[in-house]
């Protein structure tokens, strides 16, 4: 699944000049945990103010929320998510940066995606990416072996089929954050060393 499929819309926005009291009131009324800060112009970056920003930077220091402005505590520019980014990569982005939500932007503000969206709306429980990738890898290996048997181990079709397998295995290794000990093609080469000839490409 992609970010655009599970993001929350519409996004609640606020001016940077508004007070924190205004922001809190808006959060309560709309039932949201973060507000996007409106851009001053088309070339400006988006900002974000979250409940954590308010609690840590205003409440914790005993500041008056009626005098503190949103632009004083917001994060700008903020981390954004491409609508076509797959959910597991959104989750990884959140884990690496320590954030819990981010706007989904492609030219314009499309929505907001959060850890809650990932947990509640995505299909990672029903269809784990690692499990699906392993299935695709096994199917690709079987297809590559069949193509090589039909067309010959040194044929372009055989080489292209193993390219597909290695791309899938590289993606699986990336998902697990570890390197491959031996690729399926390297195992195939042990049986058919001549197959290497077809995978020497001109640069």
C-alpha atoms as a PDB file:
ATOM      1  CA  UNK A   1       0.000   0.000   0.000  1.00  0.00           C
ATOM      2  CA  UNK A   2       1.061   3.577  -0.626  1.00  0.00           C
ATOM      3  CA  UNK A   3       0.908   6.693   1.522  1.00  0.00           C
ATOM      4  CA  UNK A   4      -1.901   8.178  -0.549  1.00  0.00           C
ATOM      5  CA  UNK A   5      -4.097   5.146   0.196  1.00  0.00           C
ATOM      6  CA  UNK A   6      -4.001   5.520   3.975  1.00  0.00           C
ATOM      7  CA  UNK A   7      -3.375   9.226   4.573  1.00  0.00           C
ATOM      8  CA  UNK A   8      -5.899  11.357   6.442  1.00  0.00           C
ATOM      9  CA  UNK A   9      -7.750  14.165   4.676  1.00  0.00           C
ATOM     10  CA  UNK A  10      -8.534  16.999   4.797  1.00  0.00           C
ATOM     11  CA  UNK A  11      -5.535  18.523   6.547  1.00  0.00           C
ATOM     12  CA  UNK A  12      -6.210  21.156   9.186  1.00  0.00           C
ATOM     13  CA  UNK A  13      -4.039  24.252   8.690  1.00  0.00           C
ATOM     14  CA  UNK A  14      -3.184  27.349  10.699  1.00  0.00           C
ATOM     15  CA  UNK A  15      -1.315  30.603  10.102  1.00  0.00           C
ATOM     16  CA  UNK A  16       2.160  30.954  11.523  1.00  0.00           C
ATOM     17  CA  UNK A  17       1.109  34.216  13.162  1.00  0.00           C
ATOM     18  CA  UNK A  18      -1.702  32.559  15.128  1.00  0.00           C
ATOM     19  CA  UNK A  19      -1.230  32.041  18.847  1.00  0.00           C
ATOM     20  CA  UNK A  20      -0.623  28.684  20.493  1.00  0.00           C
ATOM     21  CA  UNK A  21      -3.971  29.186  22.248  1.00  0.00           C
ATOM     22  CA  UNK A  22      -5.578  29.355  18.786  1.00  0.00           C
ATOM     23  CA  UNK A  23      -3.706  26.197  17.766  1.00  0.00           C
ATOM     24  CA  UNK A  24      -4.819  24.263  20.854  1.00  0.00           C
ATOM     25  CA  UNK A  25      -8.417  25.351  20.333  1.00  0.00           C
ATOM     26  CA  UNK A  26      -8.292  24.228  16.694  1.00  0.00           C
ATOM     27  CA  UNK A  27      -6.723  20.879  17.610  1.00  0.00           C
ATOM     28  CA  UNK A  28      -9.429  20.233  20.180  1.00  0.00           C
ATOM     29  CA  UNK A  29     -12.261  21.238  17.833  1.00  0.00           C
ATOM     30  CA  UNK A  30     -10.964  19.139  14.930  1.00  0.00           C
ATOM     31  CA  UNK A  31      -9.705  16.213  17.018  1.00  0.00           C
ATOM     32  CA  UNK A  32      -6.202  16.295  15.502  1.00  0.00           C
ATOM     33  CA  UNK A  33      -2.723  16.041  16.977  1.00  0.00           C
ATOM     34  CA  UNK A  34      -0.936  18.315  14.512  1.00  0.00           C
ATOM     35  CA  UNK A  35      -1.589  21.307  12.288  1.00  0.00           C
ATOM     36  CA  UNK A  36       0.079  22.226   9.031  1.00  0.00           C
ATOM     37  CA  UNK A  37       1.335  25.802   8.991  1.00  0.00           C
ATOM     38  CA  UNK A  38       0.188  27.674   5.913  1.00  0.00           C
ATOM     39  CA  UNK A  39       2.812  28.852   3.438  1.00  0.00           C
ATOM     40  CA  UNK A  40       3.325  32.569   2.938  1.00  0.00           C
ATOM     41  CA  UNK A  41       3.663  32.103  -0.818  1.00  0.00           C
ATOM     42  CA  UNK A  42       4.122  29.396  -3.463  1.00  0.00           C
ATOM     43  CA  UNK A  43       7.892  29.274  -2.960  1.00  0.00           C
ATOM     44  CA  UNK A  44       7.647  28.952   0.820  1.00  0.00           C
ATOM     45  CA  UNK A  45       8.110  25.657   2.653  1.00  0.00           C
ATOM     46  CA  UNK A  46       5.425  23.969   4.713  1.00  0.00           C
ATOM     47  CA  UNK A  47       5.710  23.939   8.484  1.00  0.00           C
ATOM     48  CA  UNK A  48       4.083  21.739  11.111  1.00  0.00           C
ATOM     49  CA  UNK A  49       3.145  22.253  14.745  1.00  0.00           C
ATOM     50  CA  UNK A  50       2.308  19.207  16.858  1.00  0.00           C
ATOM     51  CA  UNK A  51       0.857  18.649  20.295  1.00  0.00           C
ATOM     52  CA  UNK A  52       4.332  17.539  21.391  1.00  0.00           C
ATOM     53  CA  UNK A  53       5.825  20.864  20.242  1.00  0.00           C
ATOM     54  CA  UNK A  54       3.262  22.730  22.314  1.00  0.00           C
ATOM     55  CA  UNK A  55       3.636  20.596  25.440  1.00  0.00           C
ATOM     56  CA  UNK A  56       7.453  20.564  25.348  1.00  0.00           C
ATOM     57  CA  UNK A  57       8.061  24.173  24.315  1.00  0.00           C
ATOM     58  CA  UNK A  58       5.152  26.049  25.847  1.00  0.00           C
ATOM     59  CA  UNK A  59       3.477  24.101  28.654  1.00  0.00           C
ATOM     60  CA  UNK A  60       6.721  22.711  30.078  1.00  0.00           C
ATOM     61  CA  UNK A  61       8.164  26.226  30.438  1.00  0.00           C
ATOM     62  CA  UNK A  62       5.013  27.824  31.858  1.00  0.00           C
ATOM     63  CA  UNK A  63       4.672  30.187  28.886  1.00  0.00           C
ATOM     64  CA  UNK A  64       1.387  31.916  28.159  1.00  0.00           C
ATOM     65  CA  UNK A  65      -0.133  30.200  25.069  1.00  0.00           C
ATOM     66  CA  UNK A  66      -2.035  33.388  24.295  1.00  0.00           C
ATOM     67  CA  UNK A  67       1.201  35.279  23.645  1.00  0.00           C
ATOM     68  CA  UNK A  68       3.387  32.590  22.019  1.00  0.00           C
ATOM     69  CA  UNK A  69       2.996  32.381  18.240  1.00  0.00           C
ATOM     70  CA  UNK A  70       2.864  29.196  16.165  1.00  0.00           C
ATOM     71  CA  UNK A  71       5.950  30.173  14.169  1.00  0.00           C
ATOM     72  CA  UNK A  72       7.967  30.182  17.406  1.00  0.00           C
ATOM     73  CA  UNK A  73       7.478  26.466  18.067  1.00  0.00           C
ATOM     74  CA  UNK A  74       6.739  24.949  14.648  1.00  0.00           C
ATOM     75  CA  UNK A  75       9.130  22.804  12.627  1.00  0.00           C
ATOM     76  CA  UNK A  76       9.911  24.332   9.225  1.00  0.00           C
ATOM     77  CA  UNK A  77      10.693  23.018   6.738  1.00  0.00           C
ATOM     78  CA  UNK A  78       9.156  19.746   7.851  1.00  0.00           C
ATOM     79  CA  UNK A  79       9.781  16.225   6.624  1.00  0.00           C
ATOM     80  CA  UNK A  80       7.331  15.365   3.849  1.00  0.00           C
ATOM     81  CA  UNK A  81       6.145  12.129   2.253  1.00  0.00           C
ATOM     82  CA  UNK A  82       5.595  11.431  -1.434  1.00  0.00           C
ATOM     83  CA  UNK A  83       2.077  10.052  -2.047  1.00  0.00           C
ATOM     84  CA  UNK A  84       3.502   7.071  -3.965  1.00  0.00           C
ATOM     85  CA  UNK A  85       5.861   6.032  -1.160  1.00  0.00           C
ATOM     86  CA  UNK A  86       5.055   2.530   0.073  1.00  0.00           C
ATOM     87  CA  UNK A  87       3.888   2.226   3.663  1.00  0.00           C
ATOM     88  CA  UNK A  88       6.921   0.283   4.907  1.00  0.00           C
ATOM     89  CA  UNK A  89       9.187   3.083   3.695  1.00  0.00           C
ATOM     90  CA  UNK A  90       7.030   5.666   5.440  1.00  0.00           C
ATOM     91  CA  UNK A  91       7.386   3.594   8.620  1.00  0.00           C
ATOM     92  CA  UNK A  92      11.149   3.423   8.120  1.00  0.00           C
ATOM     93  CA  UNK A  93      11.323   7.194   7.581  1.00  0.00           C
ATOM     94  CA  UNK A  94       9.436   7.726  10.837  1.00  0.00           C
ATOM     95  CA  UNK A  95      11.741   5.311  12.682  1.00  0.00           C
ATOM     96  CA  UNK A  96      14.895   6.991  11.349  1.00  0.00           C
ATOM     97  CA  UNK A  97      13.754  10.542  12.109  1.00  0.00           C
ATOM     98  CA  UNK A  98      11.770   9.948  15.292  1.00  0.00           C
ATOM     99  CA  UNK A  99       8.644  11.654  13.968  1.00  0.00           C
ATOM    100  CA  UNK A 100       5.105  10.295  14.251  1.00  0.00           C
ATOM    101  CA  UNK A 101       3.379  12.108  11.401  1.00  0.00           C
ATOM    102  CA  UNK A 102       4.185  13.972   8.201  1.00  0.00           C
ATOM    103  CA  UNK A 103       2.332  15.767   5.423  1.00  0.00           C
ATOM    104  CA  UNK A 104       1.829  14.012   2.113  1.00  0.00           C
ATOM    105  CA  UNK A 105       2.876  16.463  -0.574  1.00  0.00           C
ATOM    106  CA  UNK A 106       3.261  16.391  -4.341  1.00  0.00           C
ATOM    107  CA  UNK A 107       3.228  19.934  -5.615  1.00  0.00           C
ATOM    108  CA  UNK A 108       0.454  20.656  -3.135  1.00  0.00           C
ATOM    109  CA  UNK A 109      -0.641  19.470   0.295  1.00  0.00           C
ATOM    110  CA  UNK A 110      -2.644  16.266  -0.206  1.00  0.00           C
ATOM    111  CA  UNK A 111      -3.036  14.815   3.283  1.00  0.00           C
ATOM    112  CA  UNK A 112      -1.351  13.795   6.515  1.00  0.00           C
ATOM    113  CA  UNK A 113       0.016  10.360   7.369  1.00  0.00           C
ATOM    114  CA  UNK A 114       0.757   9.163  10.889  1.00  0.00           C
ATOM    115  CA  UNK A 115       1.837   6.078  12.789  1.00  0.00           C
ATOM    116  CA  UNK A 116      -1.836   5.587  13.654  1.00  0.00           C
ATOM    117  CA  UNK A 117      -2.743   5.536   9.944  1.00  0.00           C
ATOM    118  CA  UNK A 118      -0.092   2.884   9.373  1.00  0.00           C
ATOM    119  CA  UNK A 119      -1.347   0.707  12.220  1.00  0.00           C
ATOM    120  CA  UNK A 120      -5.064   1.100  11.558  1.00  0.00           C
ATOM    121  CA  UNK A 121      -5.398   1.450   7.777  1.00  0.00           C
ATOM    122  CA  UNK A 122      -2.506  -0.433   6.155  1.00  0.00           C
ATOM    123  CA  UNK A 123      -2.377  -4.138   5.315  1.00  0.00           C
ATOM    124  CA  UNK A 124       1.047  -4.916   6.780  1.00  0.00           C
ATOM    125  CA  UNK A 125      -0.486  -7.504   9.133  1.00  0.00           C
ATOM    126  CA  UNK A 126      -2.399  -9.316   6.392  1.00  0.00           C
ATOM    127  CA  UNK A 127       0.314  -8.966   3.728  1.00  0.00           C
ATOM    128  CA  UNK A 128       3.801  -8.536   5.212  1.00  0.00           C
ATOM    129  CA  UNK A 129       6.165  -7.160   2.566  1.00  0.00           C
ATOM    130  CA  UNK A 130       8.911  -9.660   3.433  1.00  0.00           C
ATOM    131  CA  UNK A 131       6.556 -12.601   2.965  1.00  0.00           C
ATOM    132  CA  UNK A 132       5.275 -11.271  -0.366  1.00  0.00           C
ATOM    133  CA  UNK A 133       8.814 -10.589  -1.596  1.00  0.00           C
ATOM    134  CA  UNK A 134       9.912 -14.128  -0.748  1.00  0.00           C
ATOM    135  CA  UNK A 135       7.001 -15.497  -2.753  1.00  0.00           C
ATOM    136  CA  UNK A 136       7.911 -13.280  -5.722  1.00  0.00           C
ATOM    137  CA  UNK A 137      11.566 -14.339  -5.479  1.00  0.00           C
ATOM    138  CA  UNK A 138      10.710 -18.041  -5.562  1.00  0.00           C
ATOM    139  CA  UNK A 139       8.396 -17.478  -8.541  1.00  0.00           C
ATOM    140  CA  UNK A 140      11.090 -15.476 -10.352  1.00  0.00           C
ATOM    141  CA  UNK A 141      13.739 -18.149  -9.695  1.00  0.00           C
ATOM    142  CA  UNK A 142      11.458 -20.837 -11.085  1.00  0.00           C
ATOM    143  CA  UNK A 143      10.717 -18.668 -14.130  1.00  0.00           C
ATOM    144  CA  UNK A 144      14.426 -17.907 -14.677  1.00  0.00           C
ATOM    145  CA  UNK A 145      15.375 -21.586 -14.526  1.00  0.00           C
ATOM    146  CA  UNK A 146      12.636 -22.450 -17.018  1.00  0.00           C
ATOM    147  CA  UNK A 147      13.628 -19.675 -19.430  1.00  0.00           C
ATOM    148  CA  UNK A 148      17.269 -20.738 -19.247  1.00  0.00           C
ATOM    149  CA  UNK A 149      16.290 -24.355 -19.859  1.00  0.00           C
ATOM    150  CA  UNK A 150      14.167 -23.356 -22.880  1.00  0.00           C
ATOM    151  CA  UNK A 151      16.409 -20.679 -24.421  1.00  0.00           C
ATOM    152  CA  UNK A 152      19.859 -21.722 -23.217  1.00  0.00           C
ATOM    153  CA  UNK A 153      22.020 -20.619 -20.310  1.00  0.00           C
ATOM    154  CA  UNK A 154      23.881 -18.043 -22.416  1.00  0.00           C
ATOM    155  CA  UNK A 155      20.775 -16.486 -23.989  1.00  0.00           C
ATOM    156  CA  UNK A 156      19.740 -12.843 -23.401  1.00  0.00           C
ATOM    157  CA  UNK A 157      16.403 -14.057 -22.050  1.00  0.00           C
ATOM    158  CA  UNK A 158      18.150 -16.150 -19.413  1.00  0.00           C
ATOM    159  CA  UNK A 159      20.305 -13.190 -18.371  1.00  0.00           C
ATOM    160  CA  UNK A 160      17.303 -10.852 -18.152  1.00  0.00           C
ATOM    161  CA  UNK A 161      15.372 -13.367 -16.050  1.00  0.00           C
ATOM    162  CA  UNK A 162      18.189 -13.544 -13.492  1.00  0.00           C
ATOM    163  CA  UNK A 163      18.345  -9.731 -13.429  1.00  0.00           C
ATOM    164  CA  UNK A 164      14.749  -9.753 -12.193  1.00  0.00           C
ATOM    165  CA  UNK A 165      15.599 -12.299  -9.490  1.00  0.00           C
ATOM    166  CA  UNK A 166      18.558 -10.284  -8.226  1.00  0.00           C
ATOM    167  CA  UNK A 167      16.569  -7.046  -8.109  1.00  0.00           C
ATOM    168  CA  UNK A 168      13.959  -8.770  -5.948  1.00  0.00           C
ATOM    169  CA  UNK A 169      16.601 -10.311  -3.699  1.00  0.00           C
ATOM    170  CA  UNK A 170      18.323  -6.940  -3.296  1.00  0.00           C
ATOM    171  CA  UNK A 171      14.996  -5.390  -2.271  1.00  0.00           C
ATOM    172  CA  UNK A 172      14.413  -8.185   0.254  1.00  0.00           C
ATOM    173  CA  UNK A 173      17.901  -7.721   1.706  1.00  0.00           C
ATOM    174  CA  UNK A 174      17.274  -3.975   1.971  1.00  0.00           C
ATOM    175  CA  UNK A 175      13.998  -4.631   3.792  1.00  0.00           C
ATOM    176  CA  UNK A 176      15.827  -6.784   6.317  1.00  0.00           C
ATOM    177  CA  UNK A 177      18.765  -4.345   6.464  1.00  0.00           C
ATOM    178  CA  UNK A 178      21.305  -7.047   5.719  1.00  0.00           C
ATOM    179  CA  UNK A 179      23.427  -8.138   2.788  1.00  0.00           C
ATOM    180  CA  UNK A 180      22.950 -11.223   0.679  1.00  0.00           C
ATOM    181  CA  UNK A 181      25.354 -14.059   1.422  1.00  0.00           C
ATOM    182  CA  UNK A 182      24.802 -15.620  -1.987  1.00  0.00           C
ATOM    183  CA  UNK A 183      22.311 -14.690  -4.695  1.00  0.00           C
ATOM    184  CA  UNK A 184      20.132 -17.214  -6.483  1.00  0.00           C
ATOM    185  CA  UNK A 185      22.068 -16.521  -9.680  1.00  0.00           C
ATOM    186  CA  UNK A 186      25.374 -17.326  -7.971  1.00  0.00           C
ATOM    187  CA  UNK A 187      23.883 -20.628  -6.883  1.00  0.00           C
ATOM    188  CA  UNK A 188      22.722 -21.215 -10.464  1.00  0.00           C
ATOM    189  CA  UNK A 189      26.251 -20.469 -11.714  1.00  0.00           C
ATOM    190  CA  UNK A 190      27.600 -23.322  -9.624  1.00  0.00           C
ATOM    191  CA  UNK A 191      25.531 -25.638 -11.818  1.00  0.00           C
ATOM    192  CA  UNK A 192      25.857 -23.625 -15.064  1.00  0.00           C
ATOM    193  CA  UNK A 193      29.062 -21.495 -15.077  1.00  0.00           C
ATOM    194  CA  UNK A 194      28.613 -20.641 -18.765  1.00  0.00           C
ATOM    195  CA  UNK A 195      25.538 -18.556 -17.874  1.00  0.00           C
ATOM    196  CA  UNK A 196      27.836 -15.747 -16.726  1.00  0.00           C
ATOM    197  CA  UNK A 197      28.724 -14.944 -20.351  1.00  0.00           C
ATOM    198  CA  UNK A 198      25.241 -13.646 -21.094  1.00  0.00           C
ATOM    199  CA  UNK A 199      25.321 -11.223 -18.157  1.00  0.00           C
ATOM    200  CA  UNK A 200      28.404  -9.286 -19.238  1.00  0.00           C
ATOM    201  CA  UNK A 201      26.785  -6.093 -20.456  1.00  0.00           C
ATOM    202  CA  UNK A 202      28.319  -3.300 -22.509  1.00  0.00           C
ATOM    203  CA  UNK A 203      28.661  -0.074 -20.493  1.00  0.00           C
END
